PDB file of N, CA and C in Angstrom:
ATOM      1  N   UNK A   1     -14.678   3.100  17.782  1.00  0.00           N
ATOM      2  CA  UNK A   1     -13.815   2.324  18.463  1.00  0.00           C
ATOM      3  C   UNK A   1     -12.563   2.844  18.592  1.00  0.00           C
ATOM      4  N   UNK A   2     -11.861   2.936  19.686  1.00  0.00           N
ATOM      5  CA  UNK A   2     -10.347   3.395  19.928  1.00  0.00           C
ATOM      6  C   UNK A   2      -9.642   2.118  19.955  1.00  0.00           C
ATOM      7  N   UNK A   3      -8.680   2.166  18.708  1.00  0.00           N
ATOM      8  CA  UNK A   3      -7.839   1.104  18.466  1.00  0.00           C
ATOM      9  C   UNK A   3      -6.591   1.546  19.284  1.00  0.00           C
ATOM     10  N   UNK A   4      -5.887   0.530  20.043  1.00  0.00           N
ATOM     11  CA  UNK A   4      -4.525   0.909  20.672  1.00  0.00           C
ATOM     12  C   UNK A   4      -3.635  -0.308  20.386  1.00  0.00           C
ATOM     13  N   UNK A   5      -2.399   0.164  19.801  1.00  0.00           N
ATOM     14  CA  UNK A   5      -1.841  -0.900  19.472  1.00  0.00           C
ATOM     15  C   UNK A   5      -0.124  -0.795  20.511  1.00  0.00           C
ATOM     16  N   UNK A   6       0.435  -2.134  20.433  1.00  0.00           N
ATOM     17  CA  UNK A   6       1.683  -2.150  21.251  1.00  0.00           C
ATOM     18  C   UNK A   6       2.925  -1.462  20.049  1.00  0.00           C
ATOM     19  N   UNK A   7       2.640  -1.743  18.739  1.00  0.00           N
ATOM     20  CA  UNK A   7       3.637  -1.458  17.864  1.00  0.00           C
ATOM     21  C   UNK A   7       3.562   0.108  17.513  1.00  0.00           C
ATOM     22  N   UNK A   8       4.770   0.621  17.316  1.00  0.00           N
ATOM     23  CA  UNK A   8       4.544   2.005  16.794  1.00  0.00           C
ATOM     24  C   UNK A   8       5.397   2.272  15.661  1.00  0.00           C
ATOM     25  N   UNK A   9       5.344   3.765  15.072  1.00  0.00           N
ATOM     26  CA  UNK A   9       5.929   4.119  13.992  1.00  0.00           C
ATOM     27  C   UNK A   9       7.514   4.003  13.976  1.00  0.00           C
ATOM     28  N   UNK A  10       8.299   3.516  13.435  1.00  0.00           N
ATOM     29  CA  UNK A  10       9.717   3.345  13.738  1.00  0.00           C
ATOM     30  C   UNK A  10      10.061   2.034  13.966  1.00  0.00           C
ATOM     31  N   UNK A  11       9.179   0.982  14.569  1.00  0.00           N
ATOM     32  CA  UNK A  11       9.640  -0.084  15.126  1.00  0.00           C
ATOM     33  C   UNK A  11      10.140  -1.030  14.174  1.00  0.00           C
ATOM     34  N   UNK A  12      11.312  -1.795  14.588  1.00  0.00           N
ATOM     35  CA  UNK A  12      11.441  -3.106  13.560  1.00  0.00           C
ATOM     36  C   UNK A  12      10.696  -4.068  13.584  1.00  0.00           C
ATOM     37  N   UNK A  13       9.956  -4.588  12.614  1.00  0.00           N
ATOM     38  CA  UNK A  13       8.918  -5.574  12.923  1.00  0.00           C
ATOM     39  C   UNK A  13       9.373  -6.874  11.912  1.00  0.00           C
ATOM     40  N   UNK A  14       8.995  -8.056  12.236  1.00  0.00           N
ATOM     41  CA  UNK A  14       9.119  -9.329  11.205  1.00  0.00           C
ATOM     42  C   UNK A  14       7.668  -9.573  11.070  1.00  0.00           C
ATOM     43  N   UNK A  15       7.674 -10.085   9.535  1.00  0.00           N
ATOM     44  CA  UNK A  15       6.420 -10.377   9.172  1.00  0.00           C
ATOM     45  C   UNK A  15       5.946 -12.133   9.769  1.00  0.00           C
ATOM     46  N   UNK A  16       4.829 -12.258  10.234  1.00  0.00           N
ATOM     47  CA  UNK A  16       4.409 -13.637  10.527  1.00  0.00           C
ATOM     48  C   UNK A  16       3.750 -14.399   9.573  1.00  0.00           C
ATOM     49  N   UNK A  17       3.062 -13.831   8.566  1.00  0.00           N
ATOM     50  CA  UNK A  17       2.255 -14.445   7.708  1.00  0.00           C
ATOM     51  C   UNK A  17       2.250 -13.861   6.437  1.00  0.00           C
ATOM     52  N   UNK A  18       1.993 -14.446   5.126  1.00  0.00           N
ATOM     53  CA  UNK A  18       1.647 -13.962   4.006  1.00  0.00           C
ATOM     54  C   UNK A  18       2.774 -14.089   3.017  1.00  0.00           C
ATOM     55  N   UNK A  19       2.861 -13.475   1.862  1.00  0.00           N
ATOM     56  CA  UNK A  19       4.158 -13.557   1.068  1.00  0.00           C
ATOM     57  C   UNK A  19       5.382 -13.291   1.222  1.00  0.00           C
ATOM     58  N   UNK A  20       5.494 -12.141   2.549  1.00  0.00           N
ATOM     59  CA  UNK A  20       6.775 -11.988   2.852  1.00  0.00           C
ATOM     60  C   UNK A  20       7.098 -12.484   4.151  1.00  0.00           C
ATOM     61  N   UNK A  21       6.609 -13.671   4.580  1.00  0.00           N
ATOM     62  CA  UNK A  21       7.054 -14.299   5.943  1.00  0.00           C
ATOM     63  C   UNK A  21       8.202 -14.405   5.921  1.00  0.00           C
ATOM     64  N   UNK A  22       8.879 -14.002   7.237  1.00  0.00           N
ATOM     65  CA  UNK A  22      10.149 -14.084   7.718  1.00  0.00           C
ATOM     66  C   UNK A  22      10.963 -12.793   7.477  1.00  0.00           C
ATOM     67  N   UNK A  23      10.391 -11.831   6.472  1.00  0.00           N
ATOM     68  CA  UNK A  23      11.048 -10.605   6.223  1.00  0.00           C
ATOM     69  C   UNK A  23      10.970  -9.546   7.429  1.00  0.00           C
ATOM     70  N   UNK A  24      11.931  -8.557   7.404  1.00  0.00           N
ATOM     71  CA  UNK A  24      11.737  -7.782   8.638  1.00  0.00           C
ATOM     72  C   UNK A  24      11.977  -6.160   7.927  1.00  0.00           C
ATOM     73  N   UNK A  25      11.289  -5.445   8.465  1.00  0.00           N
ATOM     74  CA  UNK A  25      11.256  -4.028   7.919  1.00  0.00           C
ATOM     75  C   UNK A  25      10.902  -3.128   9.143  1.00  0.00           C
ATOM     76  N   UNK A  26      11.001  -1.742   8.668  1.00  0.00           N
ATOM     77  CA  UNK A  26      10.614  -0.873   9.782  1.00  0.00           C
ATOM     78  C   UNK A  26       9.069  -0.136   9.504  1.00  0.00           C
ATOM     79  N   UNK A  27       8.276   0.122  10.461  1.00  0.00           N
ATOM     80  CA  UNK A  27       6.922   0.671  10.111  1.00  0.00           C
ATOM     81  C   UNK A  27       7.372   2.135   9.850  1.00  0.00           C
ATOM     82  N   UNK A  28       6.657   2.350   8.540  1.00  0.00           N
ATOM     83  CA  UNK A  28       6.588   3.658   8.070  1.00  0.00           C
ATOM     84  C   UNK A  28       5.404   4.585   8.516  1.00  0.00           C
ATOM     85  N   UNK A  29       4.177   3.982   8.475  1.00  0.00           N
ATOM     86  CA  UNK A  29       3.199   4.427   9.006  1.00  0.00           C
ATOM     87  C   UNK A  29       1.949   3.552   9.702  1.00  0.00           C
ATOM     88  N   UNK A  30       1.184   4.139  10.604  1.00  0.00           N
ATOM     89  CA  UNK A  30       0.443   3.196  11.115  1.00  0.00           C
ATOM     90  C   UNK A  30      -1.088   3.807  10.631  1.00  0.00           C
ATOM     91  N   UNK A  31      -2.232   2.709  10.411  1.00  0.00           N
ATOM     92  CA  UNK A  31      -3.548   3.136   9.680  1.00  0.00           C
ATOM     93  C   UNK A  31      -4.201   2.415  10.885  1.00  0.00           C
ATOM     94  N   UNK A  32      -4.523   3.067  12.106  1.00  0.00           N
ATOM     95  CA  UNK A  32      -5.473   2.598  13.231  1.00  0.00           C
ATOM     96  C   UNK A  32      -6.923   2.425  12.921  1.00  0.00           C
ATOM     97  N   UNK A  33      -7.468   2.982  12.059  1.00  0.00           N
ATOM     98  CA  UNK A  33      -8.840   2.792  11.622  1.00  0.00           C
ATOM     99  C   UNK A  33      -9.143   1.287  10.824  1.00  0.00           C
ATOM    100  N   UNK A  34      -8.148   1.213  10.389  1.00  0.00           N
ATOM    101  CA  UNK A  34      -8.167  -0.295   9.347  1.00  0.00           C
ATOM    102  C   UNK A  34      -7.264  -1.329  10.164  1.00  0.00           C
ATOM    103  N   UNK A  35      -6.761  -1.058  10.937  1.00  0.00           N
ATOM    104  CA  UNK A  35      -5.959  -2.178  12.043  1.00  0.00           C
ATOM    105  C   UNK A  35      -4.562  -2.601  11.147  1.00  0.00           C
ATOM    106  N   UNK A  36      -4.124  -1.470  10.434  1.00  0.00           N
ATOM    107  CA  UNK A  36      -3.024  -1.853   9.569  1.00  0.00           C
ATOM    108  C   UNK A  36      -1.824  -1.099   9.707  1.00  0.00           C
ATOM    109  N   UNK A  37      -0.838  -1.523   8.868  1.00  0.00           N
ATOM    110  CA  UNK A  37       0.712  -0.504   8.996  1.00  0.00           C
ATOM    111  C   UNK A  37       1.352  -0.752   7.694  1.00  0.00           C
ATOM    112  N   UNK A  38       2.101   0.090   7.540  1.00  0.00           N
ATOM    113  CA  UNK A  38       2.627   0.188   6.070  1.00  0.00           C
ATOM    114  C   UNK A  38       4.304   0.049   6.509  1.00  0.00           C
ATOM    115  N   UNK A  39       4.963  -0.952   6.074  1.00  0.00           N
ATOM    116  CA  UNK A  39       6.183  -1.585   6.669  1.00  0.00           C
ATOM    117  C   UNK A  39       7.151  -1.140   5.274  1.00  0.00           C
ATOM    118  N   UNK A  40       8.470  -0.739   5.494  1.00  0.00           N
ATOM    119  CA  UNK A  40       9.331  -0.386   4.334  1.00  0.00           C
ATOM    120  C   UNK A  40       9.699  -1.838   3.671  1.00  0.00           C
ATOM    121  N   UNK A  41       9.932  -1.822   2.239  1.00  0.00           N
ATOM    122  CA  UNK A  41      10.440  -3.018   1.738  1.00  0.00           C
ATOM    123  C   UNK A  41       9.313  -4.185   1.825  1.00  0.00           C
ATOM    124  N   UNK A  42       8.034  -4.247   2.504  1.00  0.00           N
ATOM    125  CA  UNK A  42       7.294  -5.486   2.674  1.00  0.00           C
ATOM    126  C   UNK A  42       5.937  -5.108   1.998  1.00  0.00           C
ATOM    127  N   UNK A  43       5.678  -6.169   1.503  1.00  0.00           N
ATOM    128  CA  UNK A  43       4.069  -6.324   0.709  1.00  0.00           C
ATOM    129  C   UNK A  43       4.098  -5.211  -0.607  1.00  0.00           C
ATOM    130  N   UNK A  44       5.200  -5.184  -1.336  1.00  0.00           N
ATOM    131  CA  UNK A  44       5.272  -4.231  -2.374  1.00  0.00           C
ATOM    132  C   UNK A  44       4.525  -4.931  -3.467  1.00  0.00           C
ATOM    133  N   UNK A  45       3.809  -3.691  -4.384  1.00  0.00           N
ATOM    134  CA  UNK A  45       3.089  -4.085  -5.574  1.00  0.00           C
ATOM    135  C   UNK A  45       3.467  -3.359  -6.738  1.00  0.00           C
ATOM    136  N   UNK A  46       3.256  -3.565  -7.692  1.00  0.00           N
ATOM    137  CA  UNK A  46       3.301  -2.849  -8.872  1.00  0.00           C
ATOM    138  C   UNK A  46       2.214  -1.691  -9.386  1.00  0.00           C
ATOM    139  N   UNK A  47       2.271  -0.635  -9.424  1.00  0.00           N
ATOM    140  CA  UNK A  47       1.156   0.252  -9.905  1.00  0.00           C
ATOM    141  C   UNK A  47       1.652   1.100 -11.136  1.00  0.00           C
ATOM    142  N   UNK A  48       0.693   1.145 -11.804  1.00  0.00           N
ATOM    143  CA  UNK A  48       0.576   2.093 -13.121  1.00  0.00           C
ATOM    144  C   UNK A  48       0.568   3.335 -12.631  1.00  0.00           C
ATOM    145  N   UNK A  49       1.149   4.473 -12.966  1.00  0.00           N
ATOM    146  CA  UNK A  49       1.248   5.626 -12.298  1.00  0.00           C
ATOM    147  C   UNK A  49       1.343   6.566 -13.750  1.00  0.00           C
ATOM    148  N   UNK A  50       0.261   7.413 -13.484  1.00  0.00           N
ATOM    149  CA  UNK A  50      -0.083   8.401 -14.667  1.00  0.00           C
ATOM    150  C   UNK A  50       0.842   9.625 -14.529  1.00  0.00           C
ATOM    151  N   UNK A  51       1.416  10.059 -15.558  1.00  0.00           N
ATOM    152  CA  UNK A  51       2.292  11.200 -15.510  1.00  0.00           C
ATOM    153  C   UNK A  51       1.725  12.630 -14.831  1.00  0.00           C
ATOM    154  N   UNK A  52       2.152  13.296 -14.139  1.00  0.00           N
ATOM    155  CA  UNK A  52       1.549  14.367 -13.546  1.00  0.00           C
ATOM    156  C   UNK A  52       2.537  15.669 -13.749  1.00  0.00           C
ATOM    157  N   UNK A  53       2.302  16.869 -13.036  1.00  0.00           N
ATOM    158  CA  UNK A  53       3.020  17.819 -13.254  1.00  0.00           C
ATOM    159  C   UNK A  53       4.548  17.845 -12.955  1.00  0.00           C
ATOM    160  N   UNK A  54       4.733  17.013 -11.727  1.00  0.00           N
ATOM    161  CA  UNK A  54       6.085  16.837 -11.085  1.00  0.00           C
ATOM    162  C   UNK A  54       6.661  15.597 -11.106  1.00  0.00           C
ATOM    163  N   UNK A  55       5.943  14.625 -11.819  1.00  0.00           N
ATOM    164  CA  UNK A  55       6.540  13.367 -11.877  1.00  0.00           C
ATOM    165  C   UNK A  55       6.184  12.653 -13.161  1.00  0.00           C
ATOM    166  N   UNK A  56       7.135  11.698 -13.759  1.00  0.00           N
ATOM    167  CA  UNK A  56       6.968  10.937 -14.713  1.00  0.00           C
ATOM    168  C   UNK A  56       5.933   9.938 -14.543  1.00  0.00           C
ATOM    169  N   UNK A  57       5.346   9.394 -15.665  1.00  0.00           N
ATOM    170  CA  UNK A  57       4.277   8.236 -15.418  1.00  0.00           C
ATOM    171  C   UNK A  57       5.257   6.892 -15.494  1.00  0.00           C
ATOM    172  N   UNK A  58       4.579   5.803 -15.420  1.00  0.00           N
ATOM    173  CA  UNK A  58       5.227   4.481 -15.595  1.00  0.00           C
ATOM    174  C   UNK A  58       4.882   3.620 -14.340  1.00  0.00           C
ATOM    175  N   UNK A  59       5.606   2.485 -14.284  1.00  0.00           N
ATOM    176  CA  UNK A  59       5.232   1.511 -13.083  1.00  0.00           C
ATOM    177  C   UNK A  59       6.111   1.677 -12.152  1.00  0.00           C
ATOM    178  N   UNK A  60       5.677   1.899 -11.172  1.00  0.00           N
ATOM    179  CA  UNK A  60       6.336   1.982  -9.677  1.00  0.00           C
ATOM    180  C   UNK A  60       6.113   0.876  -8.628  1.00  0.00           C
ATOM    181  N   UNK A  61       6.978   0.883  -7.886  1.00  0.00           N
ATOM    182  CA  UNK A  61       6.831  -0.132  -6.503  1.00  0.00           C
ATOM    183  C   UNK A  61       6.295   0.531  -5.752  1.00  0.00           C
ATOM    184  N   UNK A  62       5.120  -0.136  -5.042  1.00  0.00           N
ATOM    185  CA  UNK A  62       4.603   0.593  -3.782  1.00  0.00           C
ATOM    186  C   UNK A  62       4.435  -0.277  -2.555  1.00  0.00           C
ATOM    187  N   UNK A  63       4.698   0.192  -1.485  1.00  0.00           N
ATOM    188  CA  UNK A  63       4.165  -0.645  -0.393  1.00  0.00           C
ATOM    189  C   UNK A  63       2.672  -0.511  -0.004  1.00  0.00           C
ATOM    190  N   UNK A  64       2.122  -1.420   0.259  1.00  0.00           N
ATOM    191  CA  UNK A  64       0.824  -1.635   0.515  1.00  0.00           C
ATOM    192  C   UNK A  64       0.557  -2.029   2.118  1.00  0.00           C
ATOM    193  N   UNK A  65      -0.500  -1.396   2.679  1.00  0.00           N
ATOM    194  CA  UNK A  65      -0.701  -1.892   3.912  1.00  0.00           C
ATOM    195  C   UNK A  65      -0.835  -3.190   4.584  1.00  0.00           C
ATOM    196  N   UNK A  66      -0.459  -3.804   5.709  1.00  0.00           N
ATOM    197  CA  UNK A  66      -0.164  -4.891   6.011  1.00  0.00           C
ATOM    198  C   UNK A  66      -1.059  -5.192   7.407  1.00  0.00           C
ATOM    199  N   UNK A  67      -1.753  -5.999   7.558  1.00  0.00           N
ATOM    200  CA  UNK A  67      -2.525  -6.229   8.980  1.00  0.00           C
ATOM    201  C   UNK A  67      -1.468  -6.242  10.203  1.00  0.00           C
ATOM    202  N   UNK A  68      -2.061  -5.834  11.212  1.00  0.00           N
ATOM    203  CA  UNK A  68      -1.278  -5.743  12.562  1.00  0.00           C
ATOM    204  C   UNK A  68      -1.058  -7.089  13.086  1.00  0.00           C
ATOM    205  N   UNK A  69      -1.952  -8.234  12.938  1.00  0.00           N
ATOM    206  CA  UNK A  69      -1.810  -9.220  13.275  1.00  0.00           C
ATOM    207  C   UNK A  69      -0.670 -10.266  12.758  1.00  0.00           C
ATOM    208  N   UNK A  70      -0.354  -9.749  11.369  1.00  0.00           N
ATOM    209  CA  UNK A  70       0.562 -10.425  10.803  1.00  0.00           C
ATOM    210  C   UNK A  70       2.191  -9.907  11.043  1.00  0.00           C
ATOM    211  N   UNK A  71       2.229  -9.146  12.132  1.00  0.00           N
ATOM    212  CA  UNK A  71       3.434  -8.323  12.245  1.00  0.00           C
ATOM    213  C   UNK A  71       3.717  -8.735  13.842  1.00  0.00           C
ATOM    214  N   UNK A  72       4.998  -8.740  14.057  1.00  0.00           N
ATOM    215  CA  UNK A  72       5.528  -8.812  15.446  1.00  0.00           C
ATOM    216  C   UNK A  72       6.834  -8.026  15.602  1.00  0.00           C
ATOM    217  N   UNK A  73       6.979  -7.766  16.942  1.00  0.00           N
ATOM    218  CA  UNK A  73       8.229  -6.761  17.167  1.00  0.00           C
ATOM    219  C   UNK A  73       9.440  -7.519  16.939  1.00  0.00           C
ATOM    220  N   UNK A  74      10.356  -7.171  16.187  1.00  0.00           N
ATOM    221  CA  UNK A  74      11.655  -8.036  15.996  1.00  0.00           C
ATOM    222  C   UNK A  74      13.017  -7.680  17.000  1.00  0.00           C
ATOM    223  N   UNK A  75      13.255  -8.862  17.486  1.00  0.00           N
ATOM    224  CA  UNK A  75      14.723  -8.451  18.583  1.00  0.00           C
ATOM    225  C   UNK A  75      15.684  -9.041  17.989  1.00  0.00           C
ATOM    226  N   UNK A  76      16.688  -8.099  17.601  1.00  0.00           N
ATOM    227  CA  UNK A  76      17.942  -8.295  17.019  1.00  0.00           C
ATOM    228  C   UNK A  76      18.788  -9.128  17.684  1.00  0.00           C
ATOM    229  N   UNK A  77      18.834  -9.201  19.167  1.00  0.00           N
ATOM    230  CA  UNK A  77      19.805 -10.255  19.822  1.00  0.00           C
ATOM    231  C   UNK A  77      19.010 -11.675  19.639  1.00  0.00           C
ATOM    232  N   UNK A  78      17.785 -11.946  19.682  1.00  0.00           N
ATOM    233  CA  UNK A  78      17.448 -13.197  19.429  1.00  0.00           C
ATOM    234  C   UNK A  78      17.091 -13.519  18.323  1.00  0.00           C
ATOM    235  N   UNK A  79      17.098 -12.859  17.257  1.00  0.00           N
ATOM    236  CA  UNK A  79      16.656 -12.774  15.990  1.00  0.00           C
ATOM    237  C   UNK A  79      15.352 -13.544  15.485  1.00  0.00           C
ATOM    238  N   UNK A  80      14.343 -13.009  16.364  1.00  0.00           N
ATOM    239  CA  UNK A  80      12.816 -13.537  16.110  1.00  0.00           C
ATOM    240  C   UNK A  80      12.070 -12.490  16.563  1.00  0.00           C
ATOM    241  N   UNK A  81      10.765 -12.765  16.351  1.00  0.00           N
ATOM    242  CA  UNK A  81       9.764 -11.762  16.978  1.00  0.00           C
ATOM    243  C   UNK A  81       9.728 -12.282  18.182  1.00  0.00           C
ATOM    244  N   UNK A  82       9.108 -11.045  19.052  1.00  0.00           N
ATOM    245  CA  UNK A  82       8.856 -11.107  20.390  1.00  0.00           C
ATOM    246  C   UNK A  82       7.482 -10.396  20.684  1.00  0.00           C
ATOM    247  N   UNK A  83       7.048 -10.799  21.953  1.00  0.00           N
ATOM    248  CA  UNK A  83       5.727 -10.112  22.084  1.00  0.00           C
ATOM    249  C   UNK A  83       6.170  -8.655  23.193  1.00  0.00           C
ATOM    250  N   UNK A  84       5.309  -7.773  23.275  1.00  0.00           N
ATOM    251  CA  UNK A  84       5.493  -6.606  23.934  1.00  0.00           C
ATOM    252  C   UNK A  84       4.772  -6.428  25.148  1.00  0.00           C
ATOM    253  N   UNK A  85       5.227  -5.970  26.240  1.00  0.00           N
ATOM    254  CA  UNK A  85       4.496  -5.750  27.368  1.00  0.00           C
ATOM    255  C   UNK A  85       4.773  -4.439  27.706  1.00  0.00           C
ATOM    256  N   UNK A  86       4.033  -3.811  29.009  1.00  0.00           N
ATOM    257  CA  UNK A  86       4.333  -2.787  29.883  1.00  0.00           C
ATOM    258  C   UNK A  86       4.657  -2.909  31.058  1.00  0.00           C
ATOM    259  N   UNK A  87       5.398  -1.740  31.554  1.00  0.00           N
ATOM    260  CA  UNK A  87       5.625  -1.871  33.087  1.00  0.00           C
ATOM    261  C   UNK A  87       5.845  -0.811  33.447  1.00  0.00           C
ATOM    262  N   UNK A  88       5.307  -0.661  34.893  1.00  0.00           N
ATOM    263  CA  UNK A  88       5.110   0.766  35.261  1.00  0.00           C
ATOM    264  C   UNK A  88       6.095   0.819  36.522  1.00  0.00           C
ATOM    265  N   UNK A  89       7.288   1.829  36.419  1.00  0.00           N
ATOM    266  CA  UNK A  89       7.984   1.813  37.365  1.00  0.00           C
ATOM    267  C   UNK A  89       8.293   3.259  37.469  1.00  0.00           C
ATOM    268  N   UNK A  90       7.936   3.830  38.985  1.00  0.00           N
ATOM    269  CA  UNK A  90       8.406   5.372  39.222  1.00  0.00           C
ATOM    270  C   UNK A  90       7.159   5.928  38.801  1.00  0.00           C
ATOM    271  N   UNK A  91       5.882   5.747  38.408  1.00  0.00           N
ATOM    272  CA  UNK A  91       4.982   6.327  37.509  1.00  0.00           C
ATOM    273  C   UNK A  91       5.114   6.645  36.237  1.00  0.00           C
ATOM    274  N   UNK A  92       6.129   5.782  35.816  1.00  0.00           N
ATOM    275  CA  UNK A  92       6.636   5.866  34.270  1.00  0.00           C
ATOM    276  C   UNK A  92       6.134   4.666  33.497  1.00  0.00           C
ATOM    277  N   UNK A  93       5.647   4.884  32.546  1.00  0.00           N
ATOM    278  CA  UNK A  93       5.114   3.720  31.724  1.00  0.00           C
ATOM    279  C   UNK A  93       6.322   3.236  30.437  1.00  0.00           C
ATOM    280  N   UNK A  94       6.623   1.995  30.348  1.00  0.00           N
ATOM    281  CA  UNK A  94       7.517   1.936  29.539  1.00  0.00           C
ATOM    282  C   UNK A  94       7.448   0.468  28.896  1.00  0.00           C
ATOM    283  N   UNK A  95       7.638   0.265  27.467  1.00  0.00           N
ATOM    284  CA  UNK A  95       7.591  -0.867  26.726  1.00  0.00           C
ATOM    285  C   UNK A  95       8.780  -1.924  27.164  1.00  0.00           C
ATOM    286  N   UNK A  96       8.400  -3.429  27.413  1.00  0.00           N
ATOM    287  CA  UNK A  96       9.362  -4.226  27.533  1.00  0.00           C
ATOM    288  C   UNK A  96       9.234  -5.389  26.617  1.00  0.00           C
ATOM    289  N   UNK A  97      10.409  -6.042  26.485  1.00  0.00           N
ATOM    290  CA  UNK A  97      10.155  -7.360  25.606  1.00  0.00           C
ATOM    291  C   UNK A  97       9.816  -8.473  26.878  1.00  0.00           C
ATOM    292  N   UNK A  98       8.753  -9.056  26.730  1.00  0.00           N
ATOM    293  CA  UNK A  98       8.252  -9.957  27.379  1.00  0.00           C
ATOM    294  C   UNK A  98       9.275 -11.261  27.887  1.00  0.00           C
ATOM    295  N   UNK A  99      10.025 -11.704  26.700  1.00  0.00           N
ATOM    296  CA  UNK A  99      10.646 -13.073  26.906  1.00  0.00           C
ATOM    297  C   UNK A  99      11.923 -12.624  27.853  1.00  0.00           C
ATOM    298  N   UNK A 100      12.600 -11.342  27.704  1.00  0.00           N
ATOM    299  CA  UNK A 100      13.729 -11.309  28.659  1.00  0.00           C
ATOM    300  C   UNK A 100      13.440  -9.882  29.611  1.00  0.00           C
ATOM    301  N   UNK A 101      12.488  -9.332  29.612  1.00  0.00           N
ATOM    302  CA  UNK A 101      12.123  -8.390  30.478  1.00  0.00           C
ATOM    303  C   UNK A 101      13.257  -7.191  30.360  1.00  0.00           C
ATOM    304  N   UNK A 102      13.678  -6.799  29.035  1.00  0.00           N
ATOM    305  CA  UNK A 102      14.513  -5.784  28.716  1.00  0.00           C
ATOM    306  C   UNK A 102      13.485  -4.449  28.186  1.00  0.00           C
ATOM    307  N   UNK A 103      13.946  -3.370  28.538  1.00  0.00           N
ATOM    308  CA  UNK A 103      12.945  -2.362  28.066  1.00  0.00           C
ATOM    309  C   UNK A 103      13.501  -2.032  26.705  1.00  0.00           C
ATOM    310  N   UNK A 104      12.382  -1.744  25.861  1.00  0.00           N
ATOM    311  CA  UNK A 104      12.759  -1.404  24.490  1.00  0.00           C
ATOM    312  C   UNK A 104      12.921   0.121  24.402  1.00  0.00           C
TER     313      UNK A 104
END
């Protein structure tokens, strides 16, 4: 199954559900097979790290994947999550903000 998402790596998103509801962050990595994304400073957990050759052991904070359905594109002008659509102009496809029709 080929999953296509309107959100991309580097987009500013807002969390719609879960323990970090209302927080914003940038997408660091997309995981299309699981329909998840890793967002900076969101969904952090503590992990016990064993010492390795180049890093010490201890308890570290790690960002875990969050499902795509719990994320929405964040518009800094409106200060809320907005839906994304596509527009075709001069044979060029571009992403737009559905509420204001501005190009992203």
